[in-house]
C-alpha atoms as a PDB file:
ATOM      1  CA  MET A   1      93.546  90.108  99.109  1.00  0.00           C
ATOM      2  CA  SER A   2      95.720  90.839 102.126  1.00  0.00           C
ATOM      3  CA  SER A   3      98.592  91.965  99.894  1.00  0.00           C
ATOM      4  CA  HIS A   4      96.249  94.325  98.004  1.00  0.00           C
ATOM      5  CA  THR A   5      94.965  95.766 101.298  1.00  0.00           C
ATOM      6  CA  ASP A   6      98.523  96.285 102.580  1.00  0.00           C
ATOM      7  CA  HIS A   7      99.423  98.094  99.357  1.00  0.00           C
ATOM      8  CA  GLN A   8      96.420 100.405  99.700  1.00  0.00           C
ATOM      9  CA  LYS A   9      97.325 101.027 103.333  1.00  0.00           C
ATOM     10  CA  GLY A  10     100.891 101.890 102.310  1.00  0.00           C
ATOM     11  CA  LEU A  11      99.683 104.316  99.639  1.00  0.00           C
ATOM     12  CA  LEU A  12      97.345 106.032 102.113  1.00  0.00           C
ATOM     13  CA  VAL A  13      99.898 106.292 104.930  1.00  0.00           C
ATOM     14  CA  THR A  14     102.661 107.585 102.643  1.00  0.00           C
ATOM     15  CA  ALA A  15     100.334 110.061 100.931  1.00  0.00           C
ATOM     16  CA  ILE A  16      99.396 111.473 104.341  1.00  0.00           C
ATOM     17  CA  GLY A  17     103.103 111.808 105.184  1.00  0.00           C
ATOM     18  CA  GLY A  18     103.904 113.640 101.951  1.00  0.00           C
ATOM     19  CA  LEU A  19     100.916 115.988 102.266  1.00  0.00           C
ATOM     20  CA  VAL A  20     101.696 116.829 105.896  1.00  0.00           C
ATOM     21  CA  LEU A  21     105.376 117.437 105.093  1.00  0.00           C
ATOM     22  CA  SER A  22     104.401 119.935 102.389  1.00  0.00           C
ATOM     23  CA  ILE A  23     103.203 122.447 105.020  1.00  0.00           C
ATOM     24  CA  ASP A  24     106.532 122.438 106.914  1.00  0.00           C
ATOM     25  CA  ILE A  25     108.038 125.532 105.241  1.00  0.00           C
ATOM     26  CA  PRO A  26     104.763 127.537 105.152  1.00  0.00           C
ATOM     27  CA  LEU A  27     104.389 127.043 108.927  1.00  0.00           C
ATOM     28  CA  ILE A  28     107.957 128.246 109.482  1.00  0.00           C
ATOM     29  CA  ARG A  29     107.219 131.338 107.407  1.00  0.00           C
ATOM     30  CA  LEU A  30     103.889 131.987 109.191  1.00  0.00           C
ATOM     31  CA  ALA A  31     105.635 132.114 112.580  1.00  0.00           C
ATOM     32  CA  ASN A  32     107.457 135.245 111.406  1.00  0.00           C
ATOM     33  CA  GLY A  33     110.441 134.944 113.701  1.00  0.00           C
ATOM     34  CA  GLU A  34     114.214 135.110 113.779  1.00  0.00           C
ATOM     35  CA  ALA A  35     115.942 131.995 112.412  1.00  0.00           C
ATOM     36  CA  TRP A  36     117.620 130.847 115.644  1.00  0.00           C
ATOM     37  CA  THR A  37     114.418 131.295 117.671  1.00  0.00           C
ATOM     38  CA  ILE A  38     112.461 129.286 115.105  1.00  0.00           C
ATOM     39  CA  LEU A  39     115.110 126.550 115.119  1.00  0.00           C
ATOM     40  CA  LEU A  40     115.056 126.427 118.942  1.00  0.00           C
ATOM     41  CA  LEU A  41     111.277 126.070 119.100  1.00  0.00           C
ATOM     42  CA  ARG A  42     111.079 123.596 116.217  1.00  0.00           C
ATOM     43  CA  THR A  43     113.810 121.272 117.483  1.00  0.00           C
ATOM     44  CA  SER A  44     112.637 121.324 121.120  1.00  0.00           C
ATOM     45  CA  CYS A  45     109.084 120.368 120.107  1.00  0.00           C
ATOM     46  CA  THR A  46     110.306 117.654 117.729  1.00  0.00           C
ATOM     47  CA  LEU A  47     112.635 116.219 120.381  1.00  0.00           C
ATOM     48  CA  ALA A  48     109.879 116.202 123.018  1.00  0.00           C
ATOM     49  CA  ALA A  49     107.441 114.505 120.633  1.00  0.00           C
ATOM     50  CA  ALA A  50     110.034 111.873 119.651  1.00  0.00           C
ATOM     51  CA  LEU A  51     110.882 111.041 123.268  1.00  0.00           C
ATOM     52  CA  ILE A  52     107.184 110.752 124.187  1.00  0.00           C
ATOM     53  CA  MET A  53     106.524 108.474 121.186  1.00  0.00           C
ATOM     54  CA  TRP A  54     109.510 106.297 122.074  1.00  0.00           C
ATOM     55  CA  ALA A  55     108.554 106.107 125.771  1.00  0.00           C
ATOM     56  CA  VAL A  56     105.006 105.027 124.911  1.00  0.00           C
ATOM     57  CA  TRP A  57     106.315 102.444 122.419  1.00  0.00           C
ATOM     58  CA  ARG A  58     108.803 101.183 124.996  1.00  0.00           C
ATOM     59  CA  SER A  59     106.076 100.823 127.643  1.00  0.00           C
ATOM     60  CA  TYR A  60     104.048  98.559 125.335  1.00  0.00           C
ATOM     61  CA  SER A  61     106.863  96.616 123.683  1.00  0.00           C
ATOM     62  CA  LYS A  62     110.368  95.506 124.585  1.00  0.00           C
ATOM     63  CA  ASN A  63     111.249  95.623 120.868  1.00  0.00           C
ATOM     64  CA  ALA A  64     111.205  99.405 120.597  1.00  0.00           C
ATOM     65  CA  PRO A  65     114.170 100.531 118.464  1.00  0.00           C
ATOM     66  CA  GLN A  66     117.166 102.207 120.060  1.00  0.00           C
ATOM     67  CA  LEU A  67     117.142 105.985 119.942  1.00  0.00           C
ATOM     68  CA  ILE A  68     120.761 105.987 118.734  1.00  0.00           C
ATOM     69  CA  PRO A  69     121.960 102.518 117.622  1.00  0.00           C
ATOM     70  CA  GLY A  70     125.700 102.559 118.347  1.00  0.00           C
ATOM     71  CA  TRP A  71     128.418 104.634 116.689  1.00  0.00           C
ATOM     72  CA  PRO A  72     126.751 104.574 113.246  1.00  0.00           C
ATOM     73  CA  GLY A  73     123.621 105.965 114.866  1.00  0.00           C
ATOM     74  CA  LEU A  74     125.602 108.722 116.582  1.00  0.00           C
ATOM     75  CA  VAL A  75     127.226 109.740 113.287  1.00  0.00           C
ATOM     76  CA  VAL A  76     123.856 109.735 111.508  1.00  0.00           C
ATOM     77  CA  ALA A  77     122.286 111.809 114.306  1.00  0.00           C
ATOM     78  CA  VAL A  78     125.065 114.413 114.050  1.00  0.00           C
ATOM     79  CA  ILE A  79     124.720 114.574 110.258  1.00  0.00           C
ATOM     80  CA  TYR A  80     120.952 115.013 110.476  1.00  0.00           C
ATOM     81  CA  GLY A  81     121.529 117.749 113.059  1.00  0.00           C
ATOM     82  CA  LEU A  82     123.923 119.625 110.778  1.00  0.00           C
ATOM     83  CA  GLY A  83     121.441 119.169 107.937  1.00  0.00           C
ATOM     84  CA  ALA A  84     118.707 120.784 110.057  1.00  0.00           C
ATOM     85  CA  VAL A  85     120.905 123.854 110.650  1.00  0.00           C
ATOM     86  CA  ALA A  86     121.654 124.126 106.916  1.00  0.00           C
ATOM     87  CA  PHE A  87     117.958 123.706 106.084  1.00  0.00           C
ATOM     88  CA  MET A  88     116.822 126.459 108.454  1.00  0.00           C
ATOM     89  CA  THR A  89     119.539 128.773 107.128  1.00  0.00           C
ATOM     90  CA  ALA A  90     118.321 128.111 103.578  1.00  0.00           C
ATOM     91  CA  VAL A  91     114.708 128.884 104.547  1.00  0.00           C
ATOM     92  CA  TYR A  92     115.750 132.418 105.471  1.00  0.00           C
ATOM     93  CA  HIS A  93     118.162 133.027 102.576  1.00  0.00           C
ATOM     94  CA  THR A  94     116.415 131.700  99.459  1.00  0.00           C
ATOM     95  CA  SER A  95     112.947 131.250  97.994  1.00  0.00           C
ATOM     96  CA  THR A  96     110.757 128.304  98.964  1.00  0.00           C
ATOM     97  CA  ALA A  97     110.698 127.046  95.371  1.00  0.00           C
ATOM     98  CA  ASP A  98     114.497 127.062  95.089  1.00  0.00           C
ATOM     99  CA  LEU A  99     114.796 125.334  98.466  1.00  0.00           C
ATOM    100  CA  VAL A 100     112.454 122.406  97.811  1.00  0.00           C
ATOM    101  CA  PHE A 101     113.694 121.914  94.246  1.00  0.00           C
ATOM    102  CA  ILE A 102     117.330 121.773  95.409  1.00  0.00           C
ATOM    103  CA  LEU A 103     116.496 119.483  98.348  1.00  0.00           C
ATOM    104  CA  ALA A 104     115.172 116.987  95.784  1.00  0.00           C
ATOM    105  CA  PHE A 105     118.780 116.787  94.546  1.00  0.00           C
ATOM    106  CA  ASN A 106     119.562 114.587  97.572  1.00  0.00           C
ATOM    107  CA  THR A 107     118.540 111.623  95.368  1.00  0.00           C
ATOM    108  CA  VAL A 108     121.533 112.326  93.098  1.00  0.00           C
ATOM    109  CA  PHE A 109     123.904 112.707  96.054  1.00  0.00           C
ATOM    110  CA  ALA A 110     122.579 109.445  97.528  1.00  0.00           C
ATOM    111  CA  ALA A 111     123.111 107.591  94.243  1.00  0.00           C
ATOM    112  CA  LEU A 112     126.668 108.933  93.918  1.00  0.00           C
ATOM    113  CA  LEU A 113     127.556 108.079  97.522  1.00  0.00           C
ATOM    114  CA  SER A 114     126.105 104.577  97.134  1.00  0.00           C
ATOM    115  CA  TRP A 115     128.192 104.158  93.979  1.00  0.00           C
ATOM    116  CA  LEU A 116     131.379 105.332  95.687  1.00  0.00           C
ATOM    117  CA  PHE A 117     131.050 103.624  99.065  1.00  0.00           C
ATOM    118  CA  LEU A 118     128.531 100.793  98.676  1.00  0.00           C
ATOM    119  CA  LYS A 119     129.651  99.799  95.153  1.00  0.00           C
ATOM    120  CA  GLU A 120     126.074 100.074  93.850  1.00  0.00           C
ATOM    121  CA  ARG A 121     126.616 101.143  90.254  1.00  0.00           C
ATOM    122  CA  PRO A 122     123.604 103.075  88.890  1.00  0.00           C
ATOM    123  CA  ARG A 123     121.928 101.840  85.714  1.00  0.00           C
ATOM    124  CA  PRO A 124     122.342 103.903  82.518  1.00  0.00           C
ATOM    125  CA  LEU A 125     118.844 105.401  82.836  1.00  0.00           C
ATOM    126  CA  THR A 126     119.616 106.436  86.419  1.00  0.00           C
ATOM    127  CA  LEU A 127     122.834 108.104  85.252  1.00  0.00           C
ATOM    128  CA  ALA A 128     120.846 109.966  82.591  1.00  0.00           C
ATOM    129  CA  ALA A 129     118.344 111.090  85.236  1.00  0.00           C
ATOM    130  CA  MET A 130     121.205 112.288  87.443  1.00  0.00           C
ATOM    131  CA  ALA A 131     122.626 114.320  84.551  1.00  0.00           C
ATOM    132  CA  LEU A 132     119.243 116.015  83.994  1.00  0.00           C
ATOM    133  CA  MET A 133     118.943 116.738  87.724  1.00  0.00           C
ATOM    134  CA  ILE A 134     122.365 118.398  87.666  1.00  0.00           C
ATOM    135  CA  VAL A 135     121.197 120.574  84.746  1.00  0.00           C
ATOM    136  CA  GLY A 136     118.085 121.567  86.704  1.00  0.00           C
ATOM    137  CA  VAL A 137     120.053 122.549  89.821  1.00  0.00           C
ATOM    138  CA  ALA A 138     122.604 124.444  87.695  1.00  0.00           C
ATOM    139  CA  ILE A 139     119.777 126.524  86.179  1.00  0.00           C
ATOM    140  CA  ILE A 140     118.340 127.328  89.630  1.00  0.00           C
ATOM    141  CA  VAL A 141     121.677 128.172  91.277  1.00  0.00           C
ATOM    142  CA  GLY A 142     122.891 130.093  88.213  1.00  0.00           C
ATOM    143  CA  ASP A 143     119.736 132.215  88.333  1.00  0.00           C
ATOM    144  CA  SER A 144     120.529 133.138  91.960  1.00  0.00           C
ATOM    145  CA  VAL A 145     123.906 134.735  91.199  1.00  0.00           C
ATOM    146  CA  GLY A 146     123.625 138.427  91.992  1.00  0.00           C
ATOM    147  CA  THR A 147     120.112 138.145  93.478  1.00  0.00           C
ATOM    148  CA  GLY A 148     121.087 137.509  97.109  1.00  0.00           C
ATOM    149  CA  TYR A 149     119.781 133.946  96.986  1.00  0.00           C
ATOM    150  CA  LEU A 150     123.083 132.235  96.149  1.00  0.00           C
ATOM    151  CA  PHE A 151     124.093 131.637  99.790  1.00  0.00           C
ATOM    152  CA  GLY A 152     120.665 130.168 100.560  1.00  0.00           C
ATOM    153  CA  ASP A 153     120.833 127.900  97.506  1.00  0.00           C
ATOM    154  CA  LEU A 154     124.258 126.657  98.588  1.00  0.00           C
ATOM    155  CA  MET A 155     122.898 125.963 102.088  1.00  0.00           C
ATOM    156  CA  ALA A 156     120.041 123.998 100.492  1.00  0.00           C
ATOM    157  CA  LEU A 157     122.600 121.983  98.506  1.00  0.00           C
ATOM    158  CA  CYS A 158     124.545 121.391 101.725  1.00  0.00           C
ATOM    159  CA  SER A 159     121.378 120.164 103.459  1.00  0.00           C
ATOM    160  CA  ALA A 160     120.609 117.819 100.535  1.00  0.00           C
ATOM    161  CA  PHE A 161     124.142 116.416 100.655  1.00  0.00           C
ATOM    162  CA  LEU A 162     123.980 115.835 104.422  1.00  0.00           C
ATOM    163  CA  ILE A 163     120.630 114.030 104.102  1.00  0.00           C
ATOM    164  CA  ALA A 164     122.161 111.793 101.430  1.00  0.00           C
ATOM    165  CA  CYS A 165     125.152 111.066 103.687  1.00  0.00           C
ATOM    166  CA  ALA A 166     122.845 110.081 106.542  1.00  0.00           C
ATOM    167  CA  ILE A 167     120.790 107.809 104.263  1.00  0.00           C
ATOM    168  CA  THR A 168     123.935 106.120 102.891  1.00  0.00           C
ATOM    169  CA  ILE A 169     125.411 105.464 106.340  1.00  0.00           C
ATOM    170  CA  SER A 170     122.049 104.157 107.582  1.00  0.00           C
ATOM    171  CA  ARG A 171     121.844 101.699 104.692  1.00  0.00           C
ATOM    172  CA  ALA A 172     125.454 100.600 105.137  1.00  0.00           C
ATOM    173  CA  SER A 173     125.009  99.970 108.876  1.00  0.00           C
ATOM    174  CA  ASP A 174     121.782  97.962 108.392  1.00  0.00           C
ATOM    175  CA  LYS A 175     120.500  99.309 111.721  1.00  0.00           C
ATOM    176  CA  ASP A 176     117.068 100.658 112.616  1.00  0.00           C
ATOM    177  CA  MET A 177     117.462 104.447 112.457  1.00  0.00           C
ATOM    178  CA  GLY A 178     113.738 105.181 112.882  1.00  0.00           C
ATOM    179  CA  PHE A 179     114.204 107.633 115.750  1.00  0.00           C
ATOM    180  CA  THR A 180     117.739 108.765 114.945  1.00  0.00           C
ATOM    181  CA  ALA A 181     116.743 111.634 112.643  1.00  0.00           C
ATOM    182  CA  LEU A 182     114.388 112.986 115.317  1.00  0.00           C
ATOM    183  CA  ILE A 183     116.952 112.620 118.125  1.00  0.00           C
ATOM    184  CA  GLY A 184     119.531 114.299 115.871  1.00  0.00           C
ATOM    185  CA  VAL A 185     117.796 117.633 116.546  1.00  0.00           C
ATOM    186  CA  ILE A 186     119.679 117.772 119.868  1.00  0.00           C
ATOM    187  CA  LEU A 187     122.649 119.328 118.021  1.00  0.00           C
ATOM    188  CA  PRO A 188     120.748 122.197 116.344  1.00  0.00           C
ATOM    189  CA  PHE A 189     118.760 122.644 119.571  1.00  0.00           C
ATOM    190  CA  GLY A 190     121.997 123.249 121.487  1.00  0.00           C
ATOM    191  CA  VAL A 191     123.358 125.643 118.856  1.00  0.00           C
ATOM    192  CA  ALA A 192     120.038 127.519 118.676  1.00  0.00           C
ATOM    193  CA  ALA A 193     119.777 127.765 122.472  1.00  0.00           C
ATOM    194  CA  PHE A 194     123.250 129.342 122.606  1.00  0.00           C
ATOM    195  CA  MET A 195     122.444 131.823 119.839  1.00  0.00           C
ATOM    196  CA  VAL A 196     119.062 132.776 121.315  1.00  0.00           C
ATOM    197  CA  SER A 197     120.761 133.464 124.664  1.00  0.00           C
ATOM    198  CA  ARG A 198     122.749 136.133 122.816  1.00  0.00           C
ATOM    199  CA  THR A 199     120.167 137.519 120.376  1.00  0.00           C
ATOM    200  CA  GLY A 200     116.992 137.123 122.425  1.00  0.00           C
ATOM    201  CA  PHE A 201     113.729 135.250 121.778  1.00  0.00           C
ATOM    202  CA  GLN A 202     112.193 136.761 118.643  1.00  0.00           C
ATOM    203  CA  VAL A 203     109.012 135.264 117.164  1.00  0.00           C
ATOM    204  CA  GLU A 204     105.568 136.767 116.571  1.00  0.00           C
ATOM    205  CA  ALA A 205     103.450 133.603 116.286  1.00  0.00           C
ATOM    206  CA  PRO A 206     105.213 130.727 118.117  1.00  0.00           C
ATOM    207  CA  TRP A 207     102.133 128.477 117.978  1.00  0.00           C
ATOM    208  CA  TRP A 208     102.799 127.756 114.283  1.00  0.00           C
ATOM    209  CA  ILE A 209     106.230 126.341 115.146  1.00  0.00           C
ATOM    210  CA  ILE A 210     104.883 124.388 118.116  1.00  0.00           C
ATOM    211  CA  LEU A 211     102.349 122.828 115.725  1.00  0.00           C
ATOM    212  CA  ASN A 212     105.121 122.207 113.189  1.00  0.00           C
ATOM    213  CA  GLY A 213     107.688 120.656 115.514  1.00  0.00           C
ATOM    214  CA  GLY A 214     105.331 118.842 117.861  1.00  0.00           C
ATOM    215  CA  VAL A 215     102.745 117.488 115.423  1.00  0.00           C
ATOM    216  CA  VAL A 216     103.533 118.005 111.727  1.00  0.00           C
ATOM    217  CA  MET A 217     107.138 116.744 111.630  1.00  0.00           C
ATOM    218  CA  PRO A 218     106.618 113.609 113.801  1.00  0.00           C
ATOM    219  CA  ILE A 219     103.506 112.609 111.803  1.00  0.00           C
ATOM    220  CA  ALA A 220     105.191 113.248 108.443  1.00  0.00           C
ATOM    221  CA  PHE A 221     108.363 111.318 109.232  1.00  0.00           C
ATOM    222  CA  PHE A 222     106.486 108.489 110.973  1.00  0.00           C
ATOM    223  CA  CYS A 223     104.206 107.982 107.937  1.00  0.00           C
ATOM    224  CA  LEU A 224     106.994 108.271 105.363  1.00  0.00           C
ATOM    225  CA  ALA A 225     109.270 105.960 107.372  1.00  0.00           C
ATOM    226  CA  ASN A 226     106.542 103.296 107.534  1.00  0.00           C
ATOM    227  CA  GLY A 227     105.672 103.489 103.834  1.00  0.00           C
ATOM    228  CA  PRO A 228     108.425 101.080 102.671  1.00  0.00           C
ATOM    229  CA  LYS A 229     106.867  98.311 104.808  1.00  0.00           C
ATOM    230  CA  TYR A 230     103.928  98.158 102.405  1.00  0.00           C
ATOM    231  CA  ILE A 231     104.928  99.740  99.077  1.00  0.00           C
ATOM    232  CA  SER A 232     108.037  99.980  96.911  1.00  0.00           C
ATOM    233  CA  GLY A 233     110.790 102.561  97.302  1.00  0.00           C
ATOM    234  CA  ALA A 234     109.836 104.107  93.965  1.00  0.00           C
ATOM    235  CA  GLU A 235     106.274 104.669  95.184  1.00  0.00           C
ATOM    236  CA  VAL A 236     107.522 106.206  98.444  1.00  0.00           C
ATOM    237  CA  ALA A 237     109.793 108.543  96.456  1.00  0.00           C
ATOM    238  CA  MET A 238     106.766 109.716  94.470  1.00  0.00           C
ATOM    239  CA  PHE A 239     105.046 110.868  97.656  1.00  0.00           C
ATOM    240  CA  TYR A 240     108.166 112.695  98.848  1.00  0.00           C
ATOM    241  CA  LEU A 241     107.712 114.795  95.695  1.00  0.00           C
ATOM    242  CA  LEU A 242     104.479 116.170  97.141  1.00  0.00           C
ATOM    243  CA  GLU A 243     106.529 118.615  99.221  1.00  0.00           C
ATOM    244  CA  THR A 244     108.574 119.647  96.180  1.00  0.00           C
ATOM    245  CA  ILE A 245     105.405 120.341  94.206  1.00  0.00           C
ATOM    246  CA  LEU A 246     103.022 121.672  96.874  1.00  0.00           C
ATOM    247  CA  ALA A 247     105.231 123.753  99.210  1.00  0.00           C
ATOM    248  CA  PRO A 248     105.825 126.500  96.595  1.00  0.00           C
ATOM    249  CA  VAL A 249     102.074 126.480  95.864  1.00  0.00           C
ATOM    250  CA  TRP A 250     101.156 127.007  99.547  1.00  0.00           C
ATOM    251  CA  VAL A 251     103.751 129.786  99.873  1.00  0.00           C
ATOM    252  CA  TRP A 252     102.490 131.447  96.683  1.00  0.00           C
ATOM    253  CA  MET A 253      98.890 131.298  97.990  1.00  0.00           C
ATOM    254  CA  ILE A 254      99.755 132.602 101.481  1.00  0.00           C
ATOM    255  CA  PHE A 255     102.619 135.037 100.835  1.00  0.00           C
ATOM    256  CA  ALA A 256     102.242 135.763  97.088  1.00  0.00           C
ATOM    257  CA  GLU A 257     105.847 134.624  96.565  1.00  0.00           C
ATOM    258  CA  ALA A 258     106.053 133.618  92.910  1.00  0.00           C
ATOM    259  CA  PRO A 259     109.066 131.556  91.739  1.00  0.00           C
ATOM    260  CA  SER A 260     111.327 133.080  89.087  1.00  0.00           C
ATOM    261  CA  ARG A 261     111.138 131.821  85.496  1.00  0.00           C
ATOM    262  CA  ASN A 262     114.492 130.010  85.683  1.00  0.00           C
ATOM    263  CA  SER A 263     113.553 128.496  89.045  1.00  0.00           C
ATOM    264  CA  LEU A 264     110.406 127.053  87.474  1.00  0.00           C
ATOM    265  CA  ILE A 265     112.385 125.788  84.459  1.00  0.00           C
ATOM    266  CA  GLY A 266     115.059 124.126  86.604  1.00  0.00           C
ATOM    267  CA  GLY A 267     112.508 122.790  89.097  1.00  0.00           C
ATOM    268  CA  GLY A 268     110.311 121.514  86.272  1.00  0.00           C
ATOM    269  CA  ILE A 269     113.232 119.581  84.788  1.00  0.00           C
ATOM    270  CA  MET A 270     113.953 118.022  88.203  1.00  0.00           C
ATOM    271  CA  ILE A 271     110.338 117.108  88.988  1.00  0.00           C
ATOM    272  CA  VAL A 272     109.650 115.568  85.567  1.00  0.00           C
ATOM    273  CA  THR A 273     112.933 113.643  85.762  1.00  0.00           C
ATOM    274  CA  LEU A 274     112.188 112.321  89.264  1.00  0.00           C
ATOM    275  CA  ILE A 275     108.638 111.303  88.364  1.00  0.00           C
ATOM    276  CA  ALA A 276     109.761 109.585  85.151  1.00  0.00           C
ATOM    277  CA  HIS A 277     112.595 107.788  86.966  1.00  0.00           C
ATOM    278  CA  SER A 278     110.294 106.694  89.814  1.00  0.00           C
ATOM    279  CA  LEU A 279     107.739 105.344  87.319  1.00  0.00           C
ATOM    280  CA  TRP A 280     110.516 103.451  85.523  1.00  0.00           C
ATOM    281  CA  GLN A 281     111.726 101.967  88.840  1.00  0.00           C
ATOM    282  CA  LEU A 282     108.164 100.983  89.667  1.00  0.00           C
ATOM    283  CA  HIS A 283     107.760  99.299  86.278  1.00  0.00           C
ATOM    284  CA  GLU A 284     111.075  97.454  86.655  1.00  0.00           C
ATOM    285  CA  GLY A 285     110.121  96.268  90.139  1.00  0.00           C
ATOM    286  CA  ARG A 286     106.790  94.885  88.959  1.00  0.00           C
ATOM    287  CA  LYS A 287     108.499  93.225  85.974  1.00  0.00           C
ATOM    288  CA  ARG A 288     111.034  91.482  88.264  1.00  0.00           C
ATOM    289  CA  ARG A 289     108.270  90.271  90.581  1.00  0.00           C
ATOM    290  CA  ALA A 290     106.317  88.926  87.617  1.00  0.00           C
ATOM    291  CA  ASP A 291     109.408  87.081  86.351  1.00  0.00           C
ATOM    292  CA  LEU A 292     109.973  85.541  89.795  1.00  0.00           C
ATOM    293  CA  ALA A 293     106.332  84.424  89.934  1.00  0.00           C
ATOM    294  CA  VAL A 294     106.708  82.687  86.546  1.00  0.00           C
ATOM    295  CA  HIS A 295     109.973  80.922  87.459  1.00  0.00           C
ATOM    296  CA  HIS A 296     108.905  80.060  91.026  1.00  0.00           C
ATOM    297  CA  PRO A 297     105.136  79.487  91.025  1.00  0.00           C
ATOM    298  CA  ALA A 298     103.517  78.979  94.399  1.00  0.00           C
END
């Protein structure tokens, strides 16, 4: 009974995280500001929220994780920081649909990096899924040639690659990086502060970014980071797809920004592939647990 309750709790917590994360890009767009100003506000609010959360945790427990666990943590923080800069650049130079579809490609980068550096060879079905994902991204990026979106798509790819690098290093180090991604915003905060000092503070509705950086991002990442305690990685990955699916819908409803035909085709290929692969992983995980229960009955 307890295991069933924990699983339900994990599903609920992770679903909340995925739903909250899906409004990240719409809130950035609603603020209607210059990119560096938005990045400055977003990172400062996220950093403040992370430090407050950590201080409260620390006051109640001596086992609070380190903000930056050693040199691996420092490297991961820097990579996440660079990824945040690339992400914000992509927001302002490509469509929301292209951005979230391409960000989903980080799963392919992560699998390739794990294969190269952690010697975790993907299964044949995973390799087939990776091939389909590459086709989907190629359709999206190819459609952007000559439209002015190519630079933004490349920045989205760069952000996806950096996220995958951070995930791979975190797994290899076997350290608790719970706060590292949030503390990593110090780098883009510094860059944004320098740029804003030169360009000026330009934003029409800063409260949307304060809500985003101070509430939405900490809640989303806290929920998604705690999901794996209760449910499988495949199930967590399914809820990450909520942003990929819902963010373009919110932007279409608010700003009437409709994705292009090729963007929908490429994104559709990626979403169907990710869902099918996650369901297969979930099935395989349950099958292995059932086999273990048969061979090692309690």
